[in-house]
Amino acid sequence: MAPPQCSFLFQIPYFRFEEQPLQMLAGYLNKSKRSGNGWVKRWFVLREEKIAYYENEKEALCRDIIDIEKIFAVNEVLFPGRKNVFCLLTAERVYFLEAQDRETMDLWVCALIKEIQKHKTEKEKIERHEKEKHRKKRDPTSVCIEAHTKDAAWECENHRIIKRDRMKWQTLQQKDKQEWQDCVCVLYNGFIIVTIPEGKNIVIPLDQILAIHKTGEDVTERFCFLIITERDINVFSVETAEEREMWNKEIELAMKTHAVS
């Protein structure tokens, strides 16, 4: 498929100069402010091993540079009130970016994933060489995930993830049409991120949660808890009452910590 013909998006021909990094993709994207209050339009440039953004395409001084090696996930997200949004997850923060249309978003996501996988492959080669050389055992307390597992998108050395579990999810707005879905739920830096089988993420900002409630086992026959926002009621099911209590406590503590910060 040919790239979209947009006045503000350019796919740079693939050629290389040894003197400077290859510029692969450039264009305008809307970026969520770090404070979470509003969005700003920025000029993004993807090069090998880095993505930078500027105030506009004529600006020489970049506002920020994100190393590809620090990005451990790139996913489309369902963001309240926005369309064509995807996120970059790093240990320091979550970057929410909005493209003008679906095709533009897919172009950015594919390019970023390709660069991340390329960097990961090179890193894995080095690590395998070191393991064969030194035959060191993996630290059993490590939270990282082996690259060959289906959760490899979450691999990193320090997620700053508060809690991460497999569970089941559904939304009450679609209860009559939707069955329970397996998901991976991550409590991370001011957000609850729910990854569902389709590969999409549902993002619940902690400051948008109105209440957390348990549900009676006699009604649901599951150990469930509800996360209620103005837009939706998300229902999560875990295997034990202890797990549910732990999730409730961790979310409540994270909400208090996030409100103070």
C-alpha atoms as a PDB file:
ATOM      1  CA  MET A   1       0.000   0.000   0.000  1.00  0.00           C
ATOM      2  CA  ALA A   2       1.332   3.421  -0.950  1.00  0.00           C
ATOM      3  CA  PRO A   3       1.907   5.858   1.952  1.00  0.00           C
ATOM      4  CA  PRO A   4      -0.786   8.506   2.515  1.00  0.00           C
ATOM      5  CA  GLN A   5      -0.403  11.666   0.479  1.00  0.00           C
ATOM      6  CA  CYS A   6      -0.500  14.342   3.169  1.00  0.00           C
ATOM      7  CA  SER A   7       0.910  17.821   3.044  1.00  0.00           C
ATOM      8  CA  PHE A   8       2.360  17.442   6.522  1.00  0.00           C
ATOM      9  CA  LEU A   9       3.669  13.845   6.430  1.00  0.00           C
ATOM     10  CA  PHE A  10       6.755  12.712   4.577  1.00  0.00           C
ATOM     11  CA  GLN A  11       8.153   9.234   4.160  1.00  0.00           C
ATOM     12  CA  ILE A  12      11.843   9.763   3.479  1.00  0.00           C
ATOM     13  CA  PRO A  13      13.450   7.578   0.769  1.00  0.00           C
ATOM     14  CA  TYR A  14      15.687   4.914   2.260  1.00  0.00           C
ATOM     15  CA  PHE A  15      19.270   5.969   1.671  1.00  0.00           C
ATOM     16  CA  ARG A  16      22.131   6.305   4.095  1.00  0.00           C
ATOM     17  CA  PHE A  17      24.952   8.705   4.806  1.00  0.00           C
ATOM     18  CA  GLU A  18      27.543   7.507   7.275  1.00  0.00           C
ATOM     19  CA  GLU A  19      27.959  11.034   8.617  1.00  0.00           C
ATOM     20  CA  GLN A  20      24.442  11.333  10.057  1.00  0.00           C
ATOM     21  CA  PRO A  21      21.589   9.098  11.238  1.00  0.00           C
ATOM     22  CA  LEU A  22      18.978   8.135   8.672  1.00  0.00           C
ATOM     23  CA  GLN A  23      15.771  10.161   8.891  1.00  0.00           C
ATOM     24  CA  MET A  24      13.017   7.642   8.304  1.00  0.00           C
ATOM     25  CA  LEU A  25       9.733   9.422   9.004  1.00  0.00           C
ATOM     26  CA  ALA A  26       8.600  12.939   9.844  1.00  0.00           C
ATOM     27  CA  GLY A  27       5.272  14.656  10.354  1.00  0.00           C
ATOM     28  CA  TYR A  28       2.902  16.474  12.686  1.00  0.00           C
ATOM     29  CA  LEU A  29       1.232  14.617  15.551  1.00  0.00           C
ATOM     30  CA  ASN A  30      -0.827  15.862  18.457  1.00  0.00           C
ATOM     31  CA  LYS A  31       0.845  15.104  21.799  1.00  0.00           C
ATOM     32  CA  SER A  32      -0.862  14.928  25.161  1.00  0.00           C
ATOM     33  CA  LYS A  33       0.676  17.361  27.644  1.00  0.00           C
ATOM     34  CA  ARG A  34       2.617  15.809  30.480  1.00  0.00           C
ATOM     35  CA  SER A  35       0.172  17.366  32.942  1.00  0.00           C
ATOM     36  CA  GLY A  36      -2.687  15.625  31.112  1.00  0.00           C
ATOM     37  CA  ASN A  37      -4.455  18.950  30.526  1.00  0.00           C
ATOM     38  CA  GLY A  38      -4.873  19.305  26.774  1.00  0.00           C
ATOM     39  CA  TRP A  39      -2.954  18.465  23.616  1.00  0.00           C
ATOM     40  CA  VAL A  40      -0.336  20.299  21.531  1.00  0.00           C
ATOM     41  CA  LYS A  41       0.688  19.904  17.899  1.00  0.00           C
ATOM     42  CA  ARG A  42       4.347  18.959  17.443  1.00  0.00           C
ATOM     43  CA  TRP A  43       6.665  18.025  14.564  1.00  0.00           C
ATOM     44  CA  PHE A  44       7.997  14.481  15.095  1.00  0.00           C
ATOM     45  CA  VAL A  45      11.061  12.993  13.419  1.00  0.00           C
ATOM     46  CA  LEU A  46      11.965   9.292  13.580  1.00  0.00           C
ATOM     47  CA  ARG A  47      15.596   8.402  13.025  1.00  0.00           C
ATOM     48  CA  GLU A  48      17.536   5.252  13.713  1.00  0.00           C
ATOM     49  CA  GLU A  49      17.521   4.610  17.462  1.00  0.00           C
ATOM     50  CA  LYS A  50      15.773   7.904  18.313  1.00  0.00           C
ATOM     51  CA  ILE A  51      12.508   9.810  17.921  1.00  0.00           C
ATOM     52  CA  ALA A  52      12.520  13.560  18.517  1.00  0.00           C
ATOM     53  CA  TYR A  53       9.850  16.237  18.427  1.00  0.00           C
ATOM     54  CA  TYR A  54       9.988  19.973  17.754  1.00  0.00           C
ATOM     55  CA  GLU A  55       7.592  22.873  18.119  1.00  0.00           C
ATOM     56  CA  ASN A  56       7.272  22.991  14.321  1.00  0.00           C
ATOM     57  CA  GLU A  57       9.023  21.736  11.197  1.00  0.00           C
ATOM     58  CA  LYS A  58      11.230  24.873  10.954  1.00  0.00           C
ATOM     59  CA  GLU A  59      12.447  24.718  14.555  1.00  0.00           C
ATOM     60  CA  ALA A  60      16.055  23.537  14.929  1.00  0.00           C
ATOM     61  CA  LEU A  61      16.007  22.925  18.691  1.00  0.00           C
ATOM     62  CA  CYS A  62      14.085  19.793  19.650  1.00  0.00           C
ATOM     63  CA  ARG A  63      11.799  19.702  22.692  1.00  0.00           C
ATOM     64  CA  ASP A  64      12.633  16.116  23.632  1.00  0.00           C
ATOM     65  CA  ILE A  65      14.447  13.026  22.371  1.00  0.00           C
ATOM     66  CA  ILE A  66      13.225   9.502  23.107  1.00  0.00           C
ATOM     67  CA  ASP A  67      15.723   6.677  22.699  1.00  0.00           C
ATOM     68  CA  ILE A  68      14.244   3.677  20.906  1.00  0.00           C
ATOM     69  CA  GLU A  69      15.868   1.357  23.434  1.00  0.00           C
ATOM     70  CA  LYS A  70      13.843   3.008  26.214  1.00  0.00           C
ATOM     71  CA  ILE A  71      10.499   2.298  24.511  1.00  0.00           C
ATOM     72  CA  PHE A  72       9.172  -1.086  25.618  1.00  0.00           C
ATOM     73  CA  ALA A  73       5.702  -0.897  24.034  1.00  0.00           C
ATOM     74  CA  VAL A  74       3.933   0.880  21.164  1.00  0.00           C
ATOM     75  CA  ASN A  75       0.196   0.327  20.997  1.00  0.00           C
ATOM     76  CA  GLU A  76      -2.988   1.824  19.683  1.00  0.00           C
ATOM     77  CA  VAL A  77      -5.110   2.999  22.612  1.00  0.00           C
ATOM     78  CA  LEU A  78      -8.757   3.852  23.120  1.00  0.00           C
ATOM     79  CA  PHE A  79      -8.425   7.333  24.595  1.00  0.00           C
ATOM     80  CA  PRO A  80     -11.563   9.115  25.849  1.00  0.00           C
ATOM     81  CA  GLY A  81     -12.687  11.789  23.395  1.00  0.00           C
ATOM     82  CA  ARG A  82      -9.843  11.265  20.882  1.00  0.00           C
ATOM     83  CA  LYS A  83      -9.313   9.230  17.705  1.00  0.00           C
ATOM     84  CA  ASN A  84      -6.286   7.569  16.093  1.00  0.00           C
ATOM     85  CA  VAL A  85      -4.285   7.638  19.327  1.00  0.00           C
ATOM     86  CA  PHE A  86      -1.273   5.462  20.077  1.00  0.00           C
ATOM     87  CA  CYS A  87       1.117   5.460  23.003  1.00  0.00           C
ATOM     88  CA  LEU A  88       4.843   5.016  23.603  1.00  0.00           C
ATOM     89  CA  LEU A  89       5.585   3.460  26.987  1.00  0.00           C
ATOM     90  CA  THR A  90       8.933   4.203  28.640  1.00  0.00           C
ATOM     91  CA  ALA A  91      10.148   3.845  32.216  1.00  0.00           C
ATOM     92  CA  GLU A  92       9.866   7.610  32.713  1.00  0.00           C
ATOM     93  CA  ARG A  93       6.442   8.314  31.228  1.00  0.00           C
ATOM     94  CA  VAL A  94       3.700   7.405  28.771  1.00  0.00           C
ATOM     95  CA  TYR A  95       3.580   9.464  25.553  1.00  0.00           C
ATOM     96  CA  PHE A  96       0.106   9.692  24.003  1.00  0.00           C
ATOM     97  CA  LEU A  97       0.175  10.723  20.337  1.00  0.00           C
ATOM     98  CA  GLU A  98      -2.729  11.405  17.983  1.00  0.00           C
ATOM     99  CA  ALA A  99      -2.547  11.167  14.185  1.00  0.00           C
ATOM    100  CA  GLN A 100      -4.865  12.896  11.733  1.00  0.00           C
ATOM    101  CA  ASP A 101      -6.203   9.611  10.378  1.00  0.00           C
ATOM    102  CA  ARG A 102      -5.947   5.862  10.762  1.00  0.00           C
ATOM    103  CA  GLU A 103      -3.513   5.372   7.899  1.00  0.00           C
ATOM    104  CA  THR A 104      -1.092   7.931   9.315  1.00  0.00           C
ATOM    105  CA  MET A 105      -1.260   6.318  12.760  1.00  0.00           C
ATOM    106  CA  ASP A 106      -0.571   2.869  11.288  1.00  0.00           C
ATOM    107  CA  LEU A 107       2.417   4.256   9.399  1.00  0.00           C
ATOM    108  CA  TRP A 108       3.958   5.641  12.600  1.00  0.00           C
ATOM    109  CA  VAL A 109       3.181   2.557  14.683  1.00  0.00           C
ATOM    110  CA  CYS A 110       4.655   0.183  12.084  1.00  0.00           C
ATOM    111  CA  ALA A 111       7.802   2.290  11.687  1.00  0.00           C
ATOM    112  CA  LEU A 112       8.343   2.501  15.447  1.00  0.00           C
ATOM    113  CA  ILE A 113       7.747  -1.209  16.027  1.00  0.00           C
ATOM    114  CA  LYS A 114      10.161  -2.042  13.215  1.00  0.00           C
ATOM    115  CA  GLU A 115      12.891   0.084  14.807  1.00  0.00           C
ATOM    116  CA  ILE A 116      12.228  -1.348  18.277  1.00  0.00           C
ATOM    117  CA  GLN A 117      12.380  -4.916  16.965  1.00  0.00           C
ATOM    118  CA  LYS A 118      15.577  -4.139  15.073  1.00  0.00           C
ATOM    119  CA  HIS A 119      17.196  -2.729  18.200  1.00  0.00           C
ATOM    120  CA  LYS A 120      15.904  -5.646  20.282  1.00  0.00           C
ATOM    121  CA  THR A 121      17.333  -8.178  17.827  1.00  0.00           C
ATOM    122  CA  GLU A 122      20.751  -6.540  17.971  1.00  0.00           C
ATOM    123  CA  LYS A 123      20.589  -6.409  21.762  1.00  0.00           C
ATOM    124  CA  GLU A 124      19.560 -10.070  21.976  1.00  0.00           C
ATOM    125  CA  LYS A 125      22.525 -11.108  19.836  1.00  0.00           C
ATOM    126  CA  ILE A 126      24.869  -9.336  22.218  1.00  0.00           C
ATOM    127  CA  GLU A 127      23.133 -10.819  25.256  1.00  0.00           C
ATOM    128  CA  ARG A 128      23.244 -14.350  23.827  1.00  0.00           C
ATOM    129  CA  HIS A 129      26.920 -13.925  23.142  1.00  0.00           C
ATOM    130  CA  GLU A 130      27.521 -12.775  26.708  1.00  0.00           C
ATOM    131  CA  LYS A 131      25.441 -15.634  28.141  1.00  0.00           C
ATOM    132  CA  GLU A 132      27.346 -18.188  26.133  1.00  0.00           C
ATOM    133  CA  LYS A 133      30.587 -16.583  27.161  1.00  0.00           C
ATOM    134  CA  HIS A 134      29.928 -16.234  30.878  1.00  0.00           C
ATOM    135  CA  ARG A 135      26.990 -18.669  31.353  1.00  0.00           C
ATOM    136  CA  LYS A 136      25.446 -16.491  33.997  1.00  0.00           C
ATOM    137  CA  LYS A 137      22.089 -17.446  35.435  1.00  0.00           C
ATOM    138  CA  ARG A 138      19.133 -15.116  35.082  1.00  0.00           C
ATOM    139  CA  ASP A 139      18.171 -13.197  38.232  1.00  0.00           C
ATOM    140  CA  PRO A 140      15.022 -14.963  39.572  1.00  0.00           C
ATOM    141  CA  THR A 141      13.658 -11.671  40.909  1.00  0.00           C
ATOM    142  CA  SER A 142      13.707 -10.022  37.506  1.00  0.00           C
ATOM    143  CA  VAL A 143      10.346  -8.691  36.282  1.00  0.00           C
ATOM    144  CA  CYS A 144      11.413  -8.760  32.638  1.00  0.00           C
ATOM    145  CA  ILE A 145       9.828 -11.165  30.181  1.00  0.00           C
ATOM    146  CA  GLU A 146      11.671 -13.416  27.780  1.00  0.00           C
ATOM    147  CA  ALA A 147      11.569 -12.118  24.226  1.00  0.00           C
ATOM    148  CA  HIS A 148      10.120 -15.360  22.839  1.00  0.00           C
ATOM    149  CA  THR A 149       6.932 -15.102  24.923  1.00  0.00           C
ATOM    150  CA  LYS A 150       3.747 -13.525  23.618  1.00  0.00           C
ATOM    151  CA  ASP A 151       4.148 -10.712  26.174  1.00  0.00           C
ATOM    152  CA  ALA A 152       7.510  -9.633  24.794  1.00  0.00           C
ATOM    153  CA  ALA A 153       6.155  -6.150  24.078  1.00  0.00           C
ATOM    154  CA  TRP A 154       6.373  -5.474  27.811  1.00  0.00           C
ATOM    155  CA  GLU A 155      10.074  -6.355  28.103  1.00  0.00           C
ATOM    156  CA  CYS A 156      12.306  -3.886  29.937  1.00  0.00           C
ATOM    157  CA  GLU A 157      14.785  -3.633  32.789  1.00  0.00           C
ATOM    158  CA  ASN A 158      12.835  -1.254  35.018  1.00  0.00           C
ATOM    159  CA  HIS A 159       9.194  -0.722  34.118  1.00  0.00           C
ATOM    160  CA  ARG A 160       8.235   1.179  37.232  1.00  0.00           C
ATOM    161  CA  ILE A 161       5.165  -0.983  36.937  1.00  0.00           C
ATOM    162  CA  ILE A 162       3.324  -1.118  40.239  1.00  0.00           C
ATOM    163  CA  LYS A 163       1.350  -4.233  39.401  1.00  0.00           C
ATOM    164  CA  ARG A 164       0.799  -6.480  36.381  1.00  0.00           C
ATOM    165  CA  ASP A 165      -1.459  -9.546  36.106  1.00  0.00           C
ATOM    166  CA  ARG A 166      -3.495 -11.649  33.745  1.00  0.00           C
ATOM    167  CA  MET A 167      -7.223 -11.478  34.345  1.00  0.00           C
ATOM    168  CA  LYS A 168     -10.548 -11.178  32.538  1.00  0.00           C
ATOM    169  CA  TRP A 169     -12.265  -7.950  31.500  1.00  0.00           C
ATOM    170  CA  GLN A 170     -15.544  -6.619  30.140  1.00  0.00           C
ATOM    171  CA  THR A 171     -17.373  -3.305  30.058  1.00  0.00           C
ATOM    172  CA  LEU A 172     -20.910  -3.007  31.382  1.00  0.00           C
ATOM    173  CA  GLN A 173     -21.899  -0.712  28.507  1.00  0.00           C
ATOM    174  CA  GLN A 174     -21.678  -3.737  26.218  1.00  0.00           C
ATOM    175  CA  LYS A 175     -22.577  -6.443  28.720  1.00  0.00           C
ATOM    176  CA  ASP A 176     -25.356  -7.948  26.581  1.00  0.00           C
ATOM    177  CA  LYS A 177     -23.098  -8.257  23.544  1.00  0.00           C
ATOM    178  CA  GLN A 178     -19.692  -8.888  25.053  1.00  0.00           C
ATOM    179  CA  GLU A 179     -18.364 -11.949  26.854  1.00  0.00           C
ATOM    180  CA  TRP A 180     -15.445 -12.006  29.240  1.00  0.00           C
ATOM    181  CA  GLN A 181     -12.130 -11.381  27.496  1.00  0.00           C
ATOM    182  CA  ASP A 182      -8.666 -12.427  28.628  1.00  0.00           C
ATOM    183  CA  CYS A 183      -6.437  -9.430  29.206  1.00  0.00           C
ATOM    184  CA  VAL A 184      -3.209  -8.218  30.748  1.00  0.00           C
ATOM    185  CA  CYS A 185      -3.800  -5.396  33.222  1.00  0.00           C
ATOM    186  CA  VAL A 186      -0.952  -3.038  34.147  1.00  0.00           C
ATOM    187  CA  LEU A 187      -0.987  -0.367  36.842  1.00  0.00           C
ATOM    188  CA  TYR A 188       1.594   2.075  35.580  1.00  0.00           C
ATOM    189  CA  ASN A 189       2.609   5.702  36.265  1.00  0.00           C
ATOM    190  CA  GLY A 190      -0.857   7.208  36.758  1.00  0.00           C
ATOM    191  CA  PHE A 191      -2.715   4.872  34.376  1.00  0.00           C
ATOM    192  CA  ILE A 192      -4.368   1.470  34.258  1.00  0.00           C
ATOM    193  CA  ILE A 193      -3.599  -0.045  30.854  1.00  0.00           C
ATOM    194  CA  VAL A 194      -5.684  -3.039  29.756  1.00  0.00           C
ATOM    195  CA  THR A 195      -4.325  -5.067  26.824  1.00  0.00           C
ATOM    196  CA  ILE A 196      -7.037  -7.177  25.183  1.00  0.00           C
ATOM    197  CA  PRO A 197      -6.532 -10.049  22.671  1.00  0.00           C
ATOM    198  CA  GLU A 198      -7.116  -7.846  19.621  1.00  0.00           C
ATOM    199  CA  GLY A 199      -3.863  -6.084  20.463  1.00  0.00           C
ATOM    200  CA  LYS A 200      -5.545  -2.848  21.490  1.00  0.00           C
ATOM    201  CA  ASN A 201      -5.085  -1.107  24.809  1.00  0.00           C
ATOM    202  CA  ILE A 202      -7.735   0.533  26.928  1.00  0.00           C
ATOM    203  CA  VAL A 203      -6.291   3.381  28.979  1.00  0.00           C
ATOM    204  CA  ILE A 204      -7.919   4.436  32.260  1.00  0.00           C
ATOM    205  CA  PRO A 205      -6.244   7.515  33.796  1.00  0.00           C
ATOM    206  CA  LEU A 206      -6.277   7.251  37.588  1.00  0.00           C
ATOM    207  CA  ASP A 207      -7.564  10.814  37.946  1.00  0.00           C
ATOM    208  CA  GLN A 208     -10.697   9.869  35.954  1.00  0.00           C
ATOM    209  CA  ILE A 209     -11.707   7.026  38.294  1.00  0.00           C
ATOM    210  CA  LEU A 210     -14.786   7.932  40.301  1.00  0.00           C
ATOM    211  CA  ALA A 211     -14.999   4.765  42.382  1.00  0.00           C
ATOM    212  CA  ILE A 212     -13.819   1.159  42.781  1.00  0.00           C
ATOM    213  CA  HIS A 213     -16.356  -1.447  43.896  1.00  0.00           C
ATOM    214  CA  LYS A 214     -16.374  -5.165  44.585  1.00  0.00           C
ATOM    215  CA  THR A 215     -19.152  -7.343  43.197  1.00  0.00           C
ATOM    216  CA  GLY A 216     -20.868 -10.118  45.133  1.00  0.00           C
ATOM    217  CA  GLU A 217     -19.711 -13.626  44.298  1.00  0.00           C
ATOM    218  CA  ASP A 218     -23.299 -14.843  44.693  1.00  0.00           C
ATOM    219  CA  VAL A 219     -24.279 -12.731  41.683  1.00  0.00           C
ATOM    220  CA  THR A 220     -21.269 -12.968  39.368  1.00  0.00           C
ATOM    221  CA  GLU A 221     -19.749 -16.266  40.565  1.00  0.00           C
ATOM    222  CA  ARG A 222     -16.404 -14.537  40.092  1.00  0.00           C
ATOM    223  CA  PHE A 223     -13.999 -12.490  42.190  1.00  0.00           C
ATOM    224  CA  CYS A 224     -14.693  -9.193  40.464  1.00  0.00           C
ATOM    225  CA  PHE A 225     -14.146  -5.514  40.982  1.00  0.00           C
ATOM    226  CA  LEU A 226     -15.509  -2.523  39.072  1.00  0.00           C
ATOM    227  CA  ILE A 227     -13.592   0.580  38.032  1.00  0.00           C
ATOM    228  CA  ILE A 228     -16.098   3.352  37.413  1.00  0.00           C
ATOM    229  CA  THR A 229     -15.410   6.456  35.325  1.00  0.00           C
ATOM    230  CA  GLU A 230     -17.738   9.046  33.845  1.00  0.00           C
ATOM    231  CA  ARG A 231     -17.649   7.281  30.483  1.00  0.00           C
ATOM    232  CA  ASP A 232     -17.702   3.607  31.372  1.00  0.00           C
ATOM    233  CA  ILE A 233     -17.776   0.848  33.971  1.00  0.00           C
ATOM    234  CA  ASN A 234     -14.941  -1.640  33.506  1.00  0.00           C
ATOM    235  CA  VAL A 235     -15.305  -5.018  35.200  1.00  0.00           C
ATOM    236  CA  PHE A 236     -12.251  -7.122  36.079  1.00  0.00           C
ATOM    237  CA  SER A 237     -12.268 -10.748  37.197  1.00  0.00           C
ATOM    238  CA  VAL A 238      -9.409 -12.419  39.084  1.00  0.00           C
ATOM    239  CA  GLU A 239      -8.979 -15.934  40.422  1.00  0.00           C
ATOM    240  CA  THR A 240      -8.988 -15.289  44.167  1.00  0.00           C
ATOM    241  CA  ALA A 241     -10.415 -12.876  46.707  1.00  0.00           C
ATOM    242  CA  GLU A 242      -6.849 -12.133  47.835  1.00  0.00           C
ATOM    243  CA  GLU A 243      -5.872 -10.986  44.352  1.00  0.00           C
ATOM    244  CA  ARG A 244      -8.909  -8.735  44.209  1.00  0.00           C
ATOM    245  CA  GLU A 245      -8.084  -7.178  47.597  1.00  0.00           C
ATOM    246  CA  MET A 246      -4.505  -6.560  46.511  1.00  0.00           C
ATOM    247  CA  TRP A 247      -5.575  -4.903  43.255  1.00  0.00           C
ATOM    248  CA  ASN A 248      -8.060  -2.673  45.080  1.00  0.00           C
ATOM    249  CA  LYS A 249      -5.440  -1.595  47.614  1.00  0.00           C
ATOM    250  CA  GLU A 250      -2.770  -0.953  44.960  1.00  0.00           C
ATOM    251  CA  ILE A 251      -5.143   1.115  42.794  1.00  0.00           C
ATOM    252  CA  GLU A 252      -6.391   3.159  45.756  1.00  0.00           C
ATOM    253  CA  LEU A 253      -2.823   3.798  46.930  1.00  0.00           C
ATOM    254  CA  ALA A 254      -1.737   4.754  43.395  1.00  0.00           C
ATOM    255  CA  MET A 255      -4.690   7.140  43.091  1.00  0.00           C
ATOM    256  CA  LYS A 256      -3.727   8.857  46.358  1.00  0.00           C
ATOM    257  CA  THR A 257      -0.054   9.053  45.348  1.00  0.00           C
ATOM    258  CA  HIS A 258      -0.970  10.394  41.913  1.00  0.00           C
ATOM    259  CA  ALA A 259      -3.284  13.025  43.412  1.00  0.00           C
ATOM    260  CA  VAL A 260      -0.540  14.254  45.766  1.00  0.00           C
ATOM    261  CA  SER A 261       2.080  14.419  43.016  1.00  0.00           C
END
